[in-house]
């Protein structure tokens, strides 16, 4: 059996998990909400429309703006619309 170098250090408690404030999809949502368009197509290079819908839906729910924006996918294209 080979020797392995390691180190044990006593700690009082585990650190709290750090959460990211906001999302990289917040600017997409912000621009839509500030704009006048009622319906927009959303494209993000390298991302599938269903993934975009999921991420935007999470941000809409987290920000509590479900009454101002809805996300859907039709024919593999993501759309945001104002109800």
PDB file of N, CA and C in Angstrom:
ATOM      1  N   UNK A   1       0.846  -1.172   0.000  1.00  0.00           N
ATOM      2  CA  UNK A   1       0.000   0.000   0.000  1.00  0.00           C
ATOM      3  C   UNK A   1       0.893   1.237   0.000  1.00  0.00           C
ATOM      4  N   UNK A   2       0.572   2.210  -0.850  1.00  0.00           N
ATOM      5  CA  UNK A   2       1.408   3.400  -0.947  1.00  0.00           C
ATOM      6  C   UNK A   2       0.983   4.438   0.087  1.00  0.00           C
ATOM      7  N   UNK A   3       1.933   5.256   0.487  1.00  0.00           N
ATOM      8  CA  UNK A   3       1.646   6.322   1.434  1.00  0.00           C
ATOM      9  C   UNK A   3       0.957   7.473   0.720  1.00  0.00           C
ATOM     10  N   UNK A   4       0.046   8.114   1.439  1.00  0.00           N
ATOM     11  CA  UNK A   4      -0.700   9.221   0.876  1.00  0.00           C
ATOM     12  C   UNK A   4      -0.548  10.409   1.809  1.00  0.00           C
ATOM     13  N   UNK A   5      -0.275  11.576   1.254  1.00  0.00           N
ATOM     14  CA  UNK A   5      -0.178  12.788   2.058  1.00  0.00           C
ATOM     15  C   UNK A   5      -1.569  13.372   2.256  1.00  0.00           C
ATOM     16  N   UNK A   6      -1.890  13.727   3.475  1.00  0.00           N
ATOM     17  CA  UNK A   6      -3.163  14.377   3.748  1.00  0.00           C
ATOM     18  C   UNK A   6      -3.041  15.186   5.028  1.00  0.00           C
ATOM     19  N   UNK A   7      -4.063  16.002   5.263  1.00  0.00           N
ATOM     20  CA  UNK A   7      -4.048  16.884   6.420  1.00  0.00           C
ATOM     21  C   UNK A   7      -5.448  16.911   7.025  1.00  0.00           C
ATOM     22  N   UNK A   8      -5.547  16.788   8.321  1.00  0.00           N
ATOM     23  CA  UNK A   8      -6.810  16.919   9.037  1.00  0.00           C
ATOM     24  C   UNK A   8      -6.741  18.160   9.903  1.00  0.00           C
ATOM     25  N   UNK A   9      -7.796  18.940   9.872  1.00  0.00           N
ATOM     26  CA  UNK A   9      -7.821  20.172  10.650  1.00  0.00           C
ATOM     27  C   UNK A   9      -9.172  20.270  11.358  1.00  0.00           C
ATOM     28  N   UNK A  10      -9.140  20.487  12.643  1.00  0.00           N
ATOM     29  CA  UNK A  10     -10.374  20.605  13.413  1.00  0.00           C
ATOM     30  C   UNK A  10     -11.031  21.964  13.147  1.00  0.00           C
ATOM     31  N   UNK A  11     -12.336  21.938  12.944  1.00  0.00           N
ATOM     32  CA  UNK A  11     -13.110  23.160  12.750  1.00  0.00           C
ATOM     33  C   UNK A  11     -14.312  23.127  13.686  1.00  0.00           C
ATOM     34  N   UNK A  12     -14.833  24.300  14.010  1.00  0.00           N
ATOM     35  CA  UNK A  12     -15.971  24.393  14.920  1.00  0.00           C
ATOM     36  C   UNK A  12     -17.300  24.084  14.229  1.00  0.00           C
ATOM     37  N   UNK A  13     -17.444  24.561  12.981  1.00  0.00           N
ATOM     38  CA  UNK A  13     -18.680  24.312  12.237  1.00  0.00           C
ATOM     39  C   UNK A  13     -18.413  24.407  10.742  1.00  0.00           C
ATOM     40  N   UNK A  14     -19.326  23.828   9.948  1.00  0.00           N
ATOM     41  CA  UNK A  14     -19.196  23.902   8.501  1.00  0.00           C
ATOM     42  C   UNK A  14     -19.599  25.297   8.039  1.00  0.00           C
ATOM     43  N   UNK A  15     -18.958  25.808   7.000  1.00  0.00           N
ATOM     44  CA  UNK A  15     -19.355  27.125   6.486  1.00  0.00           C
ATOM     45  C   UNK A  15     -20.718  27.033   5.803  1.00  0.00           C
ATOM     46  N   UNK A  16     -21.416  28.147   5.767  1.00  0.00           N
ATOM     47  CA  UNK A  16     -22.705  28.207   5.085  1.00  0.00           C
ATOM     48  C   UNK A  16     -22.472  28.228   3.585  1.00  0.00           C
ATOM     49  N   UNK A  17     -23.382  27.610   2.860  1.00  0.00           N
ATOM     50  CA  UNK A  17     -23.282  27.601   1.406  1.00  0.00           C
ATOM     51  C   UNK A  17     -23.549  29.008   0.889  1.00  0.00           C
ATOM     52  N   UNK A  18     -22.764  29.426  -0.080  1.00  0.00           N
ATOM     53  CA  UNK A  18     -22.942  30.748  -0.675  1.00  0.00           C
ATOM     54  C   UNK A  18     -23.829  30.621  -1.902  1.00  0.00           C
ATOM     55  N   UNK A  19     -24.834  31.445  -1.953  1.00  0.00           N
ATOM     56  CA  UNK A  19     -25.737  31.460  -3.092  1.00  0.00           C
ATOM     57  C   UNK A  19     -25.444  32.671  -3.943  1.00  0.00           C
ATOM     58  N   UNK A  20     -25.593  32.493  -5.224  1.00  0.00           N
ATOM     59  CA  UNK A  20     -25.394  33.586  -6.147  1.00  0.00           C
ATOM     60  C   UNK A  20     -26.593  34.523  -6.060  1.00  0.00           C
ATOM     61  N   UNK A  21     -26.336  35.792  -6.017  1.00  0.00           N
ATOM     62  CA  UNK A  21     -27.405  36.786  -6.008  1.00  0.00           C
ATOM     63  C   UNK A  21     -27.849  37.013  -7.441  1.00  0.00           C
ATOM     64  N   UNK A  22     -29.080  36.683  -7.744  1.00  0.00           N
ATOM     65  CA  UNK A  22     -29.583  36.895  -9.086  1.00  0.00           C
ATOM     66  C   UNK A  22     -29.184  35.783 -10.032  1.00  0.00           C
ATOM     67  N   UNK A  23     -29.282  36.064 -11.301  1.00  0.00           N
ATOM     68  CA  UNK A  23     -29.014  35.075 -12.330  1.00  0.00           C
ATOM     69  C   UNK A  23     -28.513  35.780 -13.582  1.00  0.00           C
ATOM     70  N   UNK A  24     -27.840  35.031 -14.436  1.00  0.00           N
ATOM     71  CA  UNK A  24     -27.403  35.632 -15.692  1.00  0.00           C
ATOM     72  C   UNK A  24     -28.583  35.844 -16.631  1.00  0.00           C
ATOM     73  N   UNK A  25     -29.750  35.294 -16.283  1.00  0.00           N
ATOM     74  CA  UNK A  25     -30.953  35.495 -17.087  1.00  0.00           C
ATOM     75  C   UNK A  25     -31.764  36.701 -16.621  1.00  0.00           C
ATOM     76  N   UNK A  26     -31.389  37.329 -15.522  1.00  0.00           N
ATOM     77  CA  UNK A  26     -32.086  38.526 -15.053  1.00  0.00           C
ATOM     78  C   UNK A  26     -32.053  39.662 -16.069  1.00  0.00           C
ATOM     79  N   UNK A  27     -30.929  39.942 -16.744  1.00  0.00           N
ATOM     80  CA  UNK A  27     -30.931  41.026 -17.737  1.00  0.00           C
ATOM     81  C   UNK A  27     -31.921  40.790 -18.885  1.00  0.00           C
ATOM     82  N   UNK A  28     -32.131  39.528 -19.265  1.00  0.00           N
ATOM     83  CA  UNK A  28     -33.101  39.211 -20.314  1.00  0.00           C
ATOM     84  C   UNK A  28     -34.492  39.614 -19.846  1.00  0.00           C
ATOM     85  N   UNK A  29     -34.806  39.212 -18.630  1.00  0.00           N
ATOM     86  CA  UNK A  29     -36.115  39.522 -18.060  1.00  0.00           C
ATOM     87  C   UNK A  29     -36.280  41.019 -17.834  1.00  0.00           C
ATOM     88  N   UNK A  30     -35.231  41.680 -17.345  1.00  0.00           N
ATOM     89  CA  UNK A  30     -35.291  43.132 -17.109  1.00  0.00           C
ATOM     90  C   UNK A  30     -35.576  43.895 -18.399  1.00  0.00           C
ATOM     91  N   UNK A  31     -34.856  43.551 -19.449  1.00  0.00           N
ATOM     92  CA  UNK A  31     -35.030  44.266 -20.713  1.00  0.00           C
ATOM     93  C   UNK A  31     -36.443  44.063 -21.267  1.00  0.00           C
ATOM     94  N   UNK A  32     -36.956  42.834 -21.135  1.00  0.00           N
ATOM     95  CA  UNK A  32     -38.313  42.578 -21.611  1.00  0.00           C
ATOM     96  C   UNK A  32     -39.335  43.385 -20.818  1.00  0.00           C
ATOM     97  N   UNK A  33     -39.200  43.388 -19.506  1.00  0.00           N
ATOM     98  CA  UNK A  33     -40.168  44.102 -18.668  1.00  0.00           C
ATOM     99  C   UNK A  33     -40.111  45.609 -18.883  1.00  0.00           C
ATOM    100  N   UNK A  34     -38.932  46.140 -19.182  1.00  0.00           N
ATOM    101  CA  UNK A  34     -38.780  47.581 -19.426  1.00  0.00           C
ATOM    102  C   UNK A  34     -39.264  47.974 -20.821  1.00  0.00           C
ATOM    103  N   UNK A  35     -39.257  47.026 -21.747  1.00  0.00           N
ATOM    104  CA  UNK A  35     -39.638  47.320 -23.122  1.00  0.00           C
ATOM    105  C   UNK A  35     -41.143  47.385 -23.304  1.00  0.00           C
ATOM    106  N   UNK A  36     -41.539  47.786 -24.508  1.00  0.00           N
ATOM    107  CA  UNK A  36     -42.953  47.942 -24.825  1.00  0.00           C
ATOM    108  C   UNK A  36     -43.540  46.730 -25.534  1.00  0.00           C
ATOM    109  N   UNK A  37     -42.691  45.834 -26.040  1.00  0.00           N
ATOM    110  CA  UNK A  37     -43.169  44.674 -26.787  1.00  0.00           C
ATOM    111  C   UNK A  37     -43.977  43.738 -25.892  1.00  0.00           C
ATOM    112  N   UNK A  38     -45.038  43.182 -26.448  1.00  0.00           N
ATOM    113  CA  UNK A  38     -45.879  42.251 -25.698  1.00  0.00           C
ATOM    114  C   UNK A  38     -45.401  40.814 -25.862  1.00  0.00           C
ATOM    115  N   UNK A  39     -44.671  40.541 -26.938  1.00  0.00           N
ATOM    116  CA  UNK A  39     -44.192  39.189 -27.222  1.00  0.00           C
ATOM    117  C   UNK A  39     -42.810  39.279 -27.855  1.00  0.00           C
ATOM    118  N   UNK A  40     -41.850  38.525 -27.300  1.00  0.00           N
ATOM    119  CA  UNK A  40     -40.494  38.506 -27.868  1.00  0.00           C
ATOM    120  C   UNK A  40     -39.987  37.068 -27.950  1.00  0.00           C
ATOM    121  N   UNK A  41     -39.140  36.839 -28.934  1.00  0.00           N
ATOM    122  CA  UNK A  41     -38.460  35.556 -29.087  1.00  0.00           C
ATOM    123  C   UNK A  41     -37.123  35.671 -28.367  1.00  0.00           C
ATOM    124  N   UNK A  42     -36.752  34.642 -27.612  1.00  0.00           N
ATOM    125  CA  UNK A  42     -35.499  34.659 -26.851  1.00  0.00           C
ATOM    126  C   UNK A  42     -34.563  33.589 -27.400  1.00  0.00           C
ATOM    127  N   UNK A  43     -33.357  33.997 -27.764  1.00  0.00           N
ATOM    128  CA  UNK A  43     -32.336  33.065 -28.221  1.00  0.00           C
ATOM    129  C   UNK A  43     -31.072  33.291 -27.411  1.00  0.00           C
ATOM    130  N   UNK A  44     -30.502  32.207 -26.897  1.00  0.00           N
ATOM    131  CA  UNK A  44     -29.230  32.259 -26.179  1.00  0.00           C
ATOM    132  C   UNK A  44     -28.320  31.247 -26.858  1.00  0.00           C
ATOM    133  N   UNK A  45     -27.208  31.706 -27.429  1.00  0.00           N
ATOM    134  CA  UNK A  45     -26.313  30.784 -28.141  1.00  0.00           C
ATOM    135  C   UNK A  45     -25.898  29.596 -27.274  1.00  0.00           C
ATOM    136  N   UNK A  46     -26.033  28.412 -27.831  1.00  0.00           N
ATOM    137  CA  UNK A  46     -25.609  27.198 -27.145  1.00  0.00           C
ATOM    138  C   UNK A  46     -26.612  26.659 -26.142  1.00  0.00           C
ATOM    139  N   UNK A  47     -27.790  27.279 -26.037  1.00  0.00           N
ATOM    140  CA  UNK A  47     -28.796  26.825 -25.070  1.00  0.00           C
ATOM    141  C   UNK A  47     -30.070  26.411 -25.786  1.00  0.00           C
ATOM    142  N   UNK A  48     -30.649  25.314 -25.354  1.00  0.00           N
ATOM    143  CA  UNK A  48     -31.896  24.797 -25.897  1.00  0.00           C
ATOM    144  C   UNK A  48     -33.064  25.650 -25.406  1.00  0.00           C
ATOM    145  N   UNK A  49     -34.108  25.757 -26.211  1.00  0.00           N
ATOM    146  CA  UNK A  49     -35.263  26.583 -25.868  1.00  0.00           C
ATOM    147  C   UNK A  49     -35.923  26.132 -24.562  1.00  0.00           C
ATOM    148  N   UNK A  50     -35.976  24.829 -24.326  1.00  0.00           N
ATOM    149  CA  UNK A  50     -36.588  24.330 -23.091  1.00  0.00           C
ATOM    150  C   UNK A  50     -35.755  24.691 -21.864  1.00  0.00           C
ATOM    151  N   UNK A  51     -34.442  24.706 -22.029  1.00  0.00           N
ATOM    152  CA  UNK A  51     -33.563  25.124 -20.937  1.00  0.00           C
ATOM    153  C   UNK A  51     -33.773  26.606 -20.638  1.00  0.00           C
ATOM    154  N   UNK A  52     -33.862  27.419 -21.685  1.00  0.00           N
ATOM    155  CA  UNK A  52     -34.092  28.857 -21.512  1.00  0.00           C
ATOM    156  C   UNK A  52     -35.416  29.082 -20.791  1.00  0.00           C
ATOM    157  N   UNK A  53     -36.464  28.359 -21.218  1.00  0.00           N
ATOM    158  CA  UNK A  53     -37.770  28.485 -20.567  1.00  0.00           C
ATOM    159  C   UNK A  53     -37.677  28.159 -19.076  1.00  0.00           C
ATOM    160  N   UNK A  54     -36.991  27.073 -18.752  1.00  0.00           N
ATOM    161  CA  UNK A  54     -36.858  26.665 -17.352  1.00  0.00           C
ATOM    162  C   UNK A  54     -36.156  27.734 -16.528  1.00  0.00           C
ATOM    163  N   UNK A  55     -35.054  28.270 -17.044  1.00  0.00           N
ATOM    164  CA  UNK A  55     -34.297  29.277 -16.304  1.00  0.00           C
ATOM    165  C   UNK A  55     -35.097  30.568 -16.130  1.00  0.00           C
ATOM    166  N   UNK A  56     -35.759  31.008 -17.187  1.00  0.00           N
ATOM    167  CA  UNK A  56     -36.550  32.236 -17.096  1.00  0.00           C
ATOM    168  C   UNK A  56     -37.748  32.040 -16.164  1.00  0.00           C
ATOM    169  N   UNK A  57     -38.364  30.869 -16.214  1.00  0.00           N
ATOM    170  CA  UNK A  57     -39.499  30.579 -15.325  1.00  0.00           C
ATOM    171  C   UNK A  57     -39.052  30.632 -13.861  1.00  0.00           C
ATOM    172  N   UNK A  58     -37.878  30.074 -13.570  1.00  0.00           N
ATOM    173  CA  UNK A  58     -37.347  30.129 -12.202  1.00  0.00           C
ATOM    174  C   UNK A  58     -37.148  31.569 -11.749  1.00  0.00           C
ATOM    175  N   UNK A  59     -36.628  32.412 -12.634  1.00  0.00           N
ATOM    176  CA  UNK A  59     -36.394  33.819 -12.277  1.00  0.00           C
ATOM    177  C   UNK A  59     -37.705  34.574 -12.105  1.00  0.00           C
ATOM    178  N   UNK A  60     -38.680  34.291 -12.950  1.00  0.00           N
ATOM    179  CA  UNK A  60     -39.993  34.933 -12.824  1.00  0.00           C
ATOM    180  C   UNK A  60     -40.622  34.561 -11.490  1.00  0.00           C
ATOM    181  N   UNK A  61     -40.548  33.284 -11.129  1.00  0.00           N
ATOM    182  CA  UNK A  61     -41.101  32.830  -9.844  1.00  0.00           C
ATOM    183  C   UNK A  61     -40.353  33.438  -8.666  1.00  0.00           C
ATOM    184  N   UNK A  62     -39.021  33.468  -8.742  1.00  0.00           N
ATOM    185  CA  UNK A  62     -38.208  34.002  -7.642  1.00  0.00           C
ATOM    186  C   UNK A  62     -38.455  35.494  -7.442  1.00  0.00           C
ATOM    187  N   UNK A  63     -38.684  36.204  -8.531  1.00  0.00           N
ATOM    188  CA  UNK A  63     -38.888  37.654  -8.444  1.00  0.00           C
ATOM    189  C   UNK A  63     -40.349  38.035  -8.242  1.00  0.00           C
ATOM    190  N   UNK A  64     -41.237  37.049  -8.326  1.00  0.00           N
ATOM    191  CA  UNK A  64     -42.647  37.317  -8.104  1.00  0.00           C
ATOM    192  C   UNK A  64     -43.282  38.186  -9.174  1.00  0.00           C
ATOM    193  N   UNK A  65     -42.836  38.030 -10.405  1.00  0.00           N
ATOM    194  CA  UNK A  65     -43.397  38.851 -11.481  1.00  0.00           C
ATOM    195  C   UNK A  65     -44.164  38.000 -12.491  1.00  0.00           C
ATOM    196  N   UNK A  66     -44.818  36.943 -12.007  1.00  0.00           N
ATOM    197  CA  UNK A  66     -45.602  36.069 -12.864  1.00  0.00           C
ATOM    198  C   UNK A  66     -46.796  36.763 -13.489  1.00  0.00           C
ATOM    199  N   UNK A  67     -47.247  37.868 -12.881  1.00  0.00           N
ATOM    200  CA  UNK A  67     -48.360  38.625 -13.445  1.00  0.00           C
ATOM    201  C   UNK A  67     -47.908  39.556 -14.571  1.00  0.00           C
ATOM    202  N   UNK A  68     -46.585  39.695 -14.740  1.00  0.00           N
ATOM    203  CA  UNK A  68     -46.041  40.611 -15.758  1.00  0.00           C
ATOM    204  C   UNK A  68     -45.386  39.898 -16.931  1.00  0.00           C
ATOM    205  N   UNK A  69     -45.036  38.618 -16.755  1.00  0.00           N
ATOM    206  CA  UNK A  69     -44.335  37.894 -17.818  1.00  0.00           C
ATOM    207  C   UNK A  69     -44.629  36.400 -17.742  1.00  0.00           C
ATOM    208  N   UNK A  70     -44.780  35.792 -18.915  1.00  0.00           N
ATOM    209  CA  UNK A  70     -44.959  34.347 -19.035  1.00  0.00           C
ATOM    210  C   UNK A  70     -43.982  33.835 -20.083  1.00  0.00           C
ATOM    211  N   UNK A  71     -43.482  32.624 -19.876  1.00  0.00           N
ATOM    212  CA  UNK A  71     -42.517  32.038 -20.797  1.00  0.00           C
ATOM    213  C   UNK A  71     -43.125  30.774 -21.400  1.00  0.00           C
ATOM    214  N   UNK A  72     -42.887  30.588 -22.696  1.00  0.00           N
ATOM    215  CA  UNK A  72     -43.368  29.380 -23.354  1.00  0.00           C
ATOM    216  C   UNK A  72     -42.402  28.980 -24.457  1.00  0.00           C
ATOM    217  N   UNK A  73     -42.563  27.743 -24.928  1.00  0.00           N
ATOM    218  CA  UNK A  73     -41.751  27.231 -26.036  1.00  0.00           C
ATOM    219  C   UNK A  73     -42.693  26.695 -27.105  1.00  0.00           C
ATOM    220  N   UNK A  74     -42.486  27.130 -28.334  1.00  0.00           N
ATOM    221  CA  UNK A  74     -43.243  26.633 -29.478  1.00  0.00           C
ATOM    222  C   UNK A  74     -42.247  26.311 -30.581  1.00  0.00           C
ATOM    223  N   UNK A  75     -42.301  25.084 -31.067  1.00  0.00           N
ATOM    224  CA  UNK A  75     -41.388  24.638 -32.138  1.00  0.00           C
ATOM    225  C   UNK A  75     -39.930  24.920 -31.806  1.00  0.00           C
ATOM    226  N   UNK A  76     -39.539  24.604 -30.587  1.00  0.00           N
ATOM    227  CA  UNK A  76     -38.168  24.746 -30.095  1.00  0.00           C
ATOM    228  C   UNK A  76     -37.661  26.183 -30.134  1.00  0.00           C
ATOM    229  N   UNK A  77     -38.566  27.140 -29.918  1.00  0.00           N
ATOM    230  CA  UNK A  77     -38.215  28.548 -29.801  1.00  0.00           C
ATOM    231  C   UNK A  77     -38.858  29.074 -28.518  1.00  0.00           C
ATOM    232  N   UNK A  78     -38.072  29.761 -27.689  1.00  0.00           N
ATOM    233  CA  UNK A  78     -38.581  30.301 -26.427  1.00  0.00           C
ATOM    234  C   UNK A  78     -39.163  31.693 -26.659  1.00  0.00           C
ATOM    235  N   UNK A  79     -40.283  31.961 -26.000  1.00  0.00           N
ATOM    236  CA  UNK A  79     -40.947  33.245 -26.093  1.00  0.00           C
ATOM    237  C   UNK A  79     -41.275  33.765 -24.704  1.00  0.00           C
ATOM    238  N   UNK A  80     -41.185  35.088 -24.524  1.00  0.00           N
ATOM    239  CA  UNK A  80     -41.662  35.737 -23.308  1.00  0.00           C
ATOM    240  C   UNK A  80     -42.789  36.673 -23.750  1.00  0.00           C
ATOM    241  N   UNK A  81     -43.886  36.630 -23.002  1.00  0.00           N
ATOM    242  CA  UNK A  81     -44.996  37.509 -23.347  1.00  0.00           C
ATOM    243  C   UNK A  81     -45.597  38.127 -22.095  1.00  0.00           C
ATOM    244  N   UNK A  82     -46.214  39.277 -22.304  1.00  0.00           N
ATOM    245  CA  UNK A  82     -46.922  39.959 -21.242  1.00  0.00           C
ATOM    246  C   UNK A  82     -48.372  39.508 -21.296  1.00  0.00           C
ATOM    247  N   UNK A  83     -48.914  38.995 -20.187  1.00  0.00           N
ATOM    248  CA  UNK A  83     -50.299  38.494 -20.187  1.00  0.00           C
ATOM    249  C   UNK A  83     -51.325  39.601 -20.362  1.00  0.00           C
TER     250      UNK A  83
END
